[in-house]
PDB file of N, CA and C in Angstrom:
ATOM      1  N   MET A   1     -18.931  -6.629 -10.499  1.00  0.00           N
ATOM      2  CA  MET A   1     -17.684  -5.731 -11.063  1.00  0.00           C
ATOM      3  C   MET A   1     -16.572  -6.760 -11.096  1.00  0.00           C
ATOM      4  N   GLU A   2     -15.920  -7.116 -12.234  1.00  0.00           N
ATOM      5  CA  GLU A   2     -14.281  -7.976 -12.294  1.00  0.00           C
ATOM      6  C   GLU A   2     -13.669  -7.792 -11.518  1.00  0.00           C
ATOM      7  N   LYS A   3     -12.717  -8.432 -10.869  1.00  0.00           N
ATOM      8  CA  LYS A   3     -11.471  -8.239 -10.275  1.00  0.00           C
ATOM      9  C   LYS A   3     -10.404  -7.931 -11.075  1.00  0.00           C
ATOM     10  N   PHE A   4      -9.572  -7.118 -10.565  1.00  0.00           N
ATOM     11  CA  PHE A   4      -8.225  -6.914 -11.543  1.00  0.00           C
ATOM     12  C   PHE A   4      -7.136  -6.795 -10.598  1.00  0.00           C
ATOM     13  N   SER A   5      -5.841  -6.508 -11.165  1.00  0.00           N
ATOM     14  CA  SER A   5      -4.555  -6.257 -10.302  1.00  0.00           C
ATOM     15  C   SER A   5      -4.117  -4.754 -10.904  1.00  0.00           C
ATOM     16  N   LEU A   6      -2.924  -4.416  -9.785  1.00  0.00           N
ATOM     17  CA  LEU A   6      -2.240  -3.219 -10.355  1.00  0.00           C
ATOM     18  C   LEU A   6      -0.810  -3.348 -10.233  1.00  0.00           C
ATOM     19  N   ASN A   7       0.142  -3.050 -10.956  1.00  0.00           N
ATOM     20  CA  ASN A   7       1.454  -2.915 -10.962  1.00  0.00           C
ATOM     21  C   ASN A   7       1.774  -1.719 -10.277  1.00  0.00           C
ATOM     22  N   CYS A   8       3.022  -1.550  -9.973  1.00  0.00           N
ATOM     23  CA  CYS A   8       3.441  -0.383  -8.961  1.00  0.00           C
ATOM     24  C   CYS A   8       3.113   0.887  -9.944  1.00  0.00           C
ATOM     25  N   VAL A   9       3.340   0.885 -11.317  1.00  0.00           N
ATOM     26  CA  VAL A   9       3.078   2.045 -12.179  1.00  0.00           C
ATOM     27  C   VAL A   9       1.287   2.256 -11.975  1.00  0.00           C
ATOM     28  N   GLU A  10       0.683   1.235 -12.224  1.00  0.00           N
ATOM     29  CA  GLU A  10      -0.956   1.556 -12.641  1.00  0.00           C
ATOM     30  C   GLU A  10      -1.471   2.028 -11.067  1.00  0.00           C
ATOM     31  N   LEU A  11      -0.665   1.434 -10.091  1.00  0.00           N
ATOM     32  CA  LEU A  11      -1.263   1.930  -8.616  1.00  0.00           C
ATOM     33  C   LEU A  11      -1.095   3.393  -8.375  1.00  0.00           C
ATOM     34  N   GLN A  12      -0.197   4.047  -8.692  1.00  0.00           N
ATOM     35  CA  GLN A  12      -0.179   5.268  -9.027  1.00  0.00           C
ATOM     36  C   GLN A  12      -1.180   6.217  -9.754  1.00  0.00           C
ATOM     37  N   GLU A  13      -1.830   5.676 -10.494  1.00  0.00           N
ATOM     38  CA  GLU A  13      -3.245   6.315 -10.912  1.00  0.00           C
ATOM     39  C   GLU A  13      -4.291   6.529 -10.063  1.00  0.00           C
ATOM     40  N   TYR A  14      -4.463   5.330  -8.934  1.00  0.00           N
ATOM     41  CA  TYR A  14      -5.536   5.443  -7.856  1.00  0.00           C
ATOM     42  C   TYR A  14      -4.786   5.910  -6.741  1.00  0.00           C
ATOM     43  N   GLN A  15      -3.393   6.139  -6.373  1.00  0.00           N
ATOM     44  CA  GLN A  15      -3.235   6.284  -5.061  1.00  0.00           C
ATOM     45  C   GLN A  15      -2.202   7.741  -5.452  1.00  0.00           C
ATOM     46  N   PRO A  16      -2.447   8.619  -4.419  1.00  0.00           N
ATOM     47  CA  PRO A  16      -1.831   9.877  -4.930  1.00  0.00           C
ATOM     48  C   PRO A  16      -0.462   9.903  -4.276  1.00  0.00           C
ATOM     49  N   ASN A  17      -0.277   9.026  -3.023  1.00  0.00           N
ATOM     50  CA  ASN A  17       1.134   8.958  -2.455  1.00  0.00           C
ATOM     51  C   ASN A  17       2.094   8.503  -3.112  1.00  0.00           C
ATOM     52  N   ARG A  18       3.577   9.223  -2.824  1.00  0.00           N
ATOM     53  CA  ARG A  18       4.596   8.667  -3.580  1.00  0.00           C
ATOM     54  C   ARG A  18       5.529   8.191  -2.313  1.00  0.00           C
ATOM     55  N   TYR A  19       6.821   7.843  -3.078  1.00  0.00           N
ATOM     56  CA  TYR A  19       7.735   7.410  -2.172  1.00  0.00           C
ATOM     57  C   TYR A  19       8.423   8.680  -1.168  1.00  0.00           C
ATOM     58  N   PRO A  20       8.807   8.757   0.074  1.00  0.00           N
ATOM     59  CA  PRO A  20       8.617   7.454   0.783  1.00  0.00           C
ATOM     60  C   PRO A  20       7.228   7.049   1.535  1.00  0.00           C
ATOM     61  N   PHE A  21       6.172   7.867   1.048  1.00  0.00           N
ATOM     62  CA  PHE A  21       4.930   7.472   1.940  1.00  0.00           C
ATOM     63  C   PHE A  21       4.302   6.812   1.213  1.00  0.00           C
ATOM     64  N   LEU A  22       4.223   6.148   0.026  1.00  0.00           N
ATOM     65  CA  LEU A  22       3.501   5.131  -0.505  1.00  0.00           C
ATOM     66  C   LEU A  22       3.814   3.960   0.195  1.00  0.00           C
ATOM     67  N   MET A  23       2.701   3.248   0.798  1.00  0.00           N
ATOM     68  CA  MET A  23       3.005   1.919   1.521  1.00  0.00           C
ATOM     69  C   MET A  23       2.465   0.681   1.061  1.00  0.00           C
ATOM     70  N   ILE A  24       2.179   0.642  -0.214  1.00  0.00           N
ATOM     71  CA  ILE A  24       1.797  -0.349  -1.299  1.00  0.00           C
ATOM     72  C   ILE A  24       2.724  -0.330  -2.241  1.00  0.00           C
ATOM     73  N   ASP A  25       3.350  -1.744  -2.696  1.00  0.00           N
ATOM     74  CA  ASP A  25       4.089  -1.900  -3.814  1.00  0.00           C
ATOM     75  C   ASP A  25       3.268  -2.473  -4.928  1.00  0.00           C
ATOM     76  N   HIS A  26       2.339  -3.383  -4.742  1.00  0.00           N
ATOM     77  CA  HIS A  26       1.492  -4.233  -5.688  1.00  0.00           C
ATOM     78  C   HIS A  26       0.085  -4.399  -5.178  1.00  0.00           C
ATOM     79  N   VAL A  27      -0.721  -4.308  -6.046  1.00  0.00           N
ATOM     80  CA  VAL A  27      -2.226  -4.470  -5.352  1.00  0.00           C
ATOM     81  C   VAL A  27      -2.384  -5.737  -6.201  1.00  0.00           C
ATOM     82  N   GLU A  28      -2.534  -6.931  -6.038  1.00  0.00           N
ATOM     83  CA  GLU A  28      -2.752  -8.260  -6.338  1.00  0.00           C
ATOM     84  C   GLU A  28      -4.110  -8.748  -6.608  1.00  0.00           C
ATOM     85  N   GLU A  29      -5.263  -7.869  -6.224  1.00  0.00           N
ATOM     86  CA  GLU A  29      -6.605  -8.072  -6.334  1.00  0.00           C
ATOM     87  C   GLU A  29      -7.421  -6.859  -5.771  1.00  0.00           C
ATOM     88  N   VAL A  30      -8.126  -6.398  -6.658  1.00  0.00           N
ATOM     89  CA  VAL A  30      -9.005  -5.272  -6.188  1.00  0.00           C
ATOM     90  C   VAL A  30     -10.591  -5.703  -7.081  1.00  0.00           C
ATOM     91  N   ILE A  31     -11.660  -5.376  -6.321  1.00  0.00           N
ATOM     92  CA  ILE A  31     -13.017  -5.329  -6.835  1.00  0.00           C
ATOM     93  C   ILE A  31     -13.450  -3.873  -6.383  1.00  0.00           C
ATOM     94  N   PRO A  32     -13.617  -2.954  -7.187  1.00  0.00           N
ATOM     95  CA  PRO A  32     -13.952  -1.744  -6.752  1.00  0.00           C
ATOM     96  C   PRO A  32     -15.009  -1.524  -5.838  1.00  0.00           C
ATOM     97  N   GLY A  33     -14.949  -1.022  -5.006  1.00  0.00           N
ATOM     98  CA  GLY A  33     -16.048  -0.844  -4.022  1.00  0.00           C
ATOM     99  C   GLY A  33     -16.269  -1.698  -2.790  1.00  0.00           C
ATOM    100  N   LYS A  34     -15.714  -2.841  -3.065  1.00  0.00           N
ATOM    101  CA  LYS A  34     -15.838  -4.326  -2.311  1.00  0.00           C
ATOM    102  C   LYS A  34     -14.448  -4.412  -1.454  1.00  0.00           C
ATOM    103  N   TYR A  35     -13.212  -4.769  -2.036  1.00  0.00           N
ATOM    104  CA  TYR A  35     -12.089  -4.814  -1.267  1.00  0.00           C
ATOM    105  C   TYR A  35     -10.907  -4.771  -2.142  1.00  0.00           C
ATOM    106  N   ALA A  36      -9.692  -4.561  -1.736  1.00  0.00           N
ATOM    107  CA  ALA A  36      -8.316  -4.427  -2.312  1.00  0.00           C
ATOM    108  C   ALA A  36      -7.243  -5.166  -1.442  1.00  0.00           C
ATOM    109  N   LYS A  37      -6.457  -6.121  -2.091  1.00  0.00           N
ATOM    110  CA  LYS A  37      -5.637  -6.843  -1.515  1.00  0.00           C
ATOM    111  C   LYS A  37      -4.338  -6.518  -2.195  1.00  0.00           C
ATOM    112  N   GLY A  38      -3.202  -6.193  -1.356  1.00  0.00           N
ATOM    113  CA  GLY A  38      -1.870  -5.898  -1.989  1.00  0.00           C
ATOM    114  C   GLY A  38      -0.869  -6.020  -0.874  1.00  0.00           C
ATOM    115  N   TYR A  39       0.460  -5.734  -1.457  1.00  0.00           N
ATOM    116  CA  TYR A  39       1.776  -5.855  -0.584  1.00  0.00           C
ATOM    117  C   TYR A  39       2.491  -4.554  -0.407  1.00  0.00           C
ATOM    118  N   LYS A  40       3.168  -4.693   0.478  1.00  0.00           N
ATOM    119  CA  LYS A  40       4.418  -3.708   0.767  1.00  0.00           C
ATOM    120  C   LYS A  40       5.636  -4.522   0.839  1.00  0.00           C
ATOM    121  N   ASN A  41       6.690  -4.604  -0.142  1.00  0.00           N
ATOM    122  CA  ASN A  41       7.827  -5.233  -0.023  1.00  0.00           C
ATOM    123  C   ASN A  41       8.748  -4.423   1.085  1.00  0.00           C
ATOM    124  N   LEU A  42       9.296  -5.352   2.045  1.00  0.00           N
ATOM    125  CA  LEU A  42      10.228  -4.531   2.945  1.00  0.00           C
ATOM    126  C   LEU A  42      11.203  -4.921   2.705  1.00  0.00           C
ATOM    127  N   THR A  43      12.365  -4.248   2.956  1.00  0.00           N
ATOM    128  CA  THR A  43      13.927  -4.590   3.033  1.00  0.00           C
ATOM    129  C   THR A  43      14.510  -3.787   4.155  1.00  0.00           C
ATOM    130  N   MET A  44      15.633  -4.213   4.586  1.00  0.00           N
ATOM    131  CA  MET A  44      16.368  -3.572   5.959  1.00  0.00           C
ATOM    132  C   MET A  44      16.498  -2.108   5.463  1.00  0.00           C
ATOM    133  N   ASN A  45      16.334  -1.910   4.005  1.00  0.00           N
ATOM    134  CA  ASN A  45      16.844  -0.308   3.824  1.00  0.00           C
ATOM    135  C   ASN A  45      15.346   0.658   3.888  1.00  0.00           C
ATOM    136  N   GLU A  46      14.340   0.075   4.546  1.00  0.00           N
ATOM    137  CA  GLU A  46      13.547   1.170   4.717  1.00  0.00           C
ATOM    138  C   GLU A  46      13.736   2.071   5.817  1.00  0.00           C
ATOM    139  N   TRP A  47      13.336   3.330   5.638  1.00  0.00           N
ATOM    140  CA  TRP A  47      13.798   4.568   6.119  1.00  0.00           C
ATOM    141  C   TRP A  47      13.281   4.400   7.866  1.00  0.00           C
ATOM    142  N   TYR A  48      12.615   3.764   8.282  1.00  0.00           N
ATOM    143  CA  TYR A  48      12.206   3.849   9.735  1.00  0.00           C
ATOM    144  C   TYR A  48      12.996   2.487  10.162  1.00  0.00           C
ATOM    145  N   PHE A  49      13.665   1.615  10.008  1.00  0.00           N
ATOM    146  CA  PHE A  49      14.174   0.360  10.569  1.00  0.00           C
ATOM    147  C   PHE A  49      15.193   0.798  11.431  1.00  0.00           C
ATOM    148  N   PRO A  50      16.320   1.867  11.211  1.00  0.00           N
ATOM    149  CA  PRO A  50      17.253   2.196  11.922  1.00  0.00           C
ATOM    150  C   PRO A  50      16.776   2.478  13.195  1.00  0.00           C
ATOM    151  N   VAL A  51      15.636   3.238  13.292  1.00  0.00           N
ATOM    152  CA  VAL A  51      15.371   4.137  14.714  1.00  0.00           C
ATOM    153  C   VAL A  51      14.182   3.244  14.999  1.00  0.00           C
ATOM    154  N   HIS A  52      13.427   2.415  14.425  1.00  0.00           N
ATOM    155  CA  HIS A  52      12.139   1.751  14.953  1.00  0.00           C
ATOM    156  C   HIS A  52      12.815   0.134  15.620  1.00  0.00           C
ATOM    157  N   PHE A  53      13.450   0.283  16.821  1.00  0.00           N
ATOM    158  CA  PHE A  53      14.201  -0.825  17.270  1.00  0.00           C
ATOM    159  C   PHE A  53      15.231  -1.568  16.380  1.00  0.00           C
ATOM    160  N   PRO A  54      16.306  -0.743  16.556  1.00  0.00           N
ATOM    161  CA  PRO A  54      17.744  -1.079  15.616  1.00  0.00           C
ATOM    162  C   PRO A  54      18.224  -2.824  16.074  1.00  0.00           C
ATOM    163  N   ASP A  55      17.676  -3.436  16.914  1.00  0.00           N
ATOM    164  CA  ASP A  55      17.916  -4.802  17.146  1.00  0.00           C
ATOM    165  C   ASP A  55      17.044  -5.777  16.618  1.00  0.00           C
ATOM    166  N   GLY A  56      15.606  -5.171  16.704  1.00  0.00           N
ATOM    167  CA  GLY A  56      14.767  -5.928  16.254  1.00  0.00           C
ATOM    168  C   GLY A  56      13.805  -5.029  15.288  1.00  0.00           C
ATOM    169  N   PRO A  57      14.034  -4.728  14.075  1.00  0.00           N
ATOM    170  CA  PRO A  57      13.256  -3.789  13.349  1.00  0.00           C
ATOM    171  C   PRO A  57      11.899  -4.242  13.141  1.00  0.00           C
ATOM    172  N   ASN A  58      10.973  -3.403  12.948  1.00  0.00           N
ATOM    173  CA  ASN A  58       9.766  -3.802  12.760  1.00  0.00           C
ATOM    174  C   ASN A  58       8.892  -2.430  12.014  1.00  0.00           C
ATOM    175  N   MET A  59       8.077  -2.707  11.337  1.00  0.00           N
ATOM    176  CA  MET A  59       7.167  -1.529  10.611  1.00  0.00           C
ATOM    177  C   MET A  59       6.169  -0.876  11.642  1.00  0.00           C
ATOM    178  N   PRO A  60       6.388   0.457  12.112  1.00  0.00           N
ATOM    179  CA  PRO A  60       5.732   0.951  13.046  1.00  0.00           C
ATOM    180  C   PRO A  60       4.181   0.754  12.734  1.00  0.00           C
ATOM    181  N   GLY A  61       3.429   0.879  13.818  1.00  0.00           N
ATOM    182  CA  GLY A  61       2.100   0.467  13.929  1.00  0.00           C
ATOM    183  C   GLY A  61       1.355   1.760  12.994  1.00  0.00           C
ATOM    184  N   ALA A  62       1.888   2.872  13.369  1.00  0.00           N
ATOM    185  CA  ALA A  62       1.088   3.748  12.505  1.00  0.00           C
ATOM    186  C   ALA A  62       1.254   3.722  11.011  1.00  0.00           C
ATOM    187  N   LEU A  63       2.359   3.456  10.370  1.00  0.00           N
ATOM    188  CA  LEU A  63       2.614   2.958   9.100  1.00  0.00           C
ATOM    189  C   LEU A  63       1.895   1.896   8.720  1.00  0.00           C
ATOM    190  N   GLN A  64       1.910   0.829   9.484  1.00  0.00           N
ATOM    191  CA  GLN A  64       0.637  -0.250   9.179  1.00  0.00           C
ATOM    192  C   GLN A  64      -0.832   0.331   8.894  1.00  0.00           C
ATOM    193  N   LEU A  65      -1.127   1.018   9.756  1.00  0.00           N
ATOM    194  CA  LEU A  65      -2.497   1.625   9.559  1.00  0.00           C
ATOM    195  C   LEU A  65      -2.605   2.519   8.063  1.00  0.00           C
ATOM    196  N   GLU A  66      -1.400   3.005   8.178  1.00  0.00           N
ATOM    197  CA  GLU A  66      -1.361   3.926   6.987  1.00  0.00           C
ATOM    198  C   GLU A  66      -1.457   3.370   5.539  1.00  0.00           C
ATOM    199  N   ALA A  67      -0.826   2.087   5.794  1.00  0.00           N
ATOM    200  CA  ALA A  67      -0.945   1.150   4.357  1.00  0.00           C
ATOM    201  C   ALA A  67      -2.474   0.467   4.274  1.00  0.00           C
ATOM    202  N   LEU A  68      -3.073   0.293   5.324  1.00  0.00           N
ATOM    203  CA  LEU A  68      -4.443  -0.073   5.166  1.00  0.00           C
ATOM    204  C   LEU A  68      -5.384   0.773   4.585  1.00  0.00           C
ATOM    205  N   ALA A  69      -5.203   2.350   4.904  1.00  0.00           N
ATOM    206  CA  ALA A  69      -5.987   3.177   4.526  1.00  0.00           C
ATOM    207  C   ALA A  69      -5.597   3.364   3.132  1.00  0.00           C
ATOM    208  N   GLN A  70      -4.361   3.215   2.782  1.00  0.00           N
ATOM    209  CA  GLN A  70      -4.190   3.368   1.237  1.00  0.00           C
ATOM    210  C   GLN A  70      -4.668   2.433   0.343  1.00  0.00           C
ATOM    211  N   MET A  71      -4.865   0.991   0.953  1.00  0.00           N
ATOM    212  CA  MET A  71      -5.355   0.220   0.314  1.00  0.00           C
ATOM    213  C   MET A  71      -7.138   0.081   0.288  1.00  0.00           C
ATOM    214  N   LEU A  72      -7.588   1.093   1.141  1.00  0.00           N
ATOM    215  CA  LEU A  72      -9.027   1.437   1.364  1.00  0.00           C
ATOM    216  C   LEU A  72      -8.994   2.335   0.240  1.00  0.00           C
ATOM    217  N   THR A  73      -8.275   3.536   0.033  1.00  0.00           N
ATOM    218  CA  THR A  73      -8.249   4.638  -0.943  1.00  0.00           C
ATOM    219  C   THR A  73      -8.104   3.666  -2.334  1.00  0.00           C
ATOM    220  N   VAL A  74      -7.478   2.851  -2.628  1.00  0.00           N
ATOM    221  CA  VAL A  74      -7.584   1.853  -3.997  1.00  0.00           C
ATOM    222  C   VAL A  74      -8.783   1.159  -4.064  1.00  0.00           C
ATOM    223  N   ALA A  75      -9.543   0.574  -3.188  1.00  0.00           N
ATOM    224  CA  ALA A  75     -10.756   0.080  -3.333  1.00  0.00           C
ATOM    225  C   ALA A  75     -11.893   1.079  -3.645  1.00  0.00           C
ATOM    226  N   ILE A  76     -11.595   2.202  -3.107  1.00  0.00           N
ATOM    227  CA  ILE A  76     -12.636   3.385  -3.299  1.00  0.00           C
ATOM    228  C   ILE A  76     -12.407   3.811  -4.872  1.00  0.00           C
ATOM    229  N   THR A  77     -11.067   4.660  -5.024  1.00  0.00           N
ATOM    230  CA  THR A  77     -11.037   5.279  -6.136  1.00  0.00           C
ATOM    231  C   THR A  77     -10.772   4.526  -7.436  1.00  0.00           C
ATOM    232  N   THR A  78     -10.974   3.068  -7.505  1.00  0.00           N
ATOM    233  CA  THR A  78     -11.037   2.367  -8.745  1.00  0.00           C
ATOM    234  C   THR A  78     -12.517   2.543  -9.244  1.00  0.00           C
ATOM    235  N   LEU A  79     -13.536   2.512  -8.614  1.00  0.00           N
ATOM    236  CA  LEU A  79     -15.008   2.608  -8.591  1.00  0.00           C
ATOM    237  C   LEU A  79     -15.209   3.595 -10.238  1.00  0.00           C
ATOM    238  N   PRO A  80     -16.093   3.118 -11.050  1.00  0.00           N
ATOM    239  CA  PRO A  80     -16.407   3.719 -12.114  1.00  0.00           C
ATOM    240  C   PRO A  80     -17.008   5.107 -11.796  1.00  0.00           C
ATOM    241  N   THR A  81     -16.607   6.149 -12.485  1.00  0.00           N
ATOM    242  CA  THR A  81     -17.154   7.566 -12.302  1.00  0.00           C
ATOM    243  C   THR A  81     -18.666   7.548 -12.690  1.00  0.00           C
TER     244      THR A  81
END
């Protein structure tokens, strides 16, 4: 199968989560059933930064794992039916 990318609008066809729980902004490359590679663009305005270490904000580990799971969902849901 050939690889392709998904912008933020196309991504929503394959990923049921929406703001604030969508942890992916762009899928750079996906080969259905094999792998998916994407990004979450973080800014200081993210809802979890003020409480997850105010002096040194970082993305909580549980949300990082959620982002990985969402990328897995993209890799699987893009398979042809």
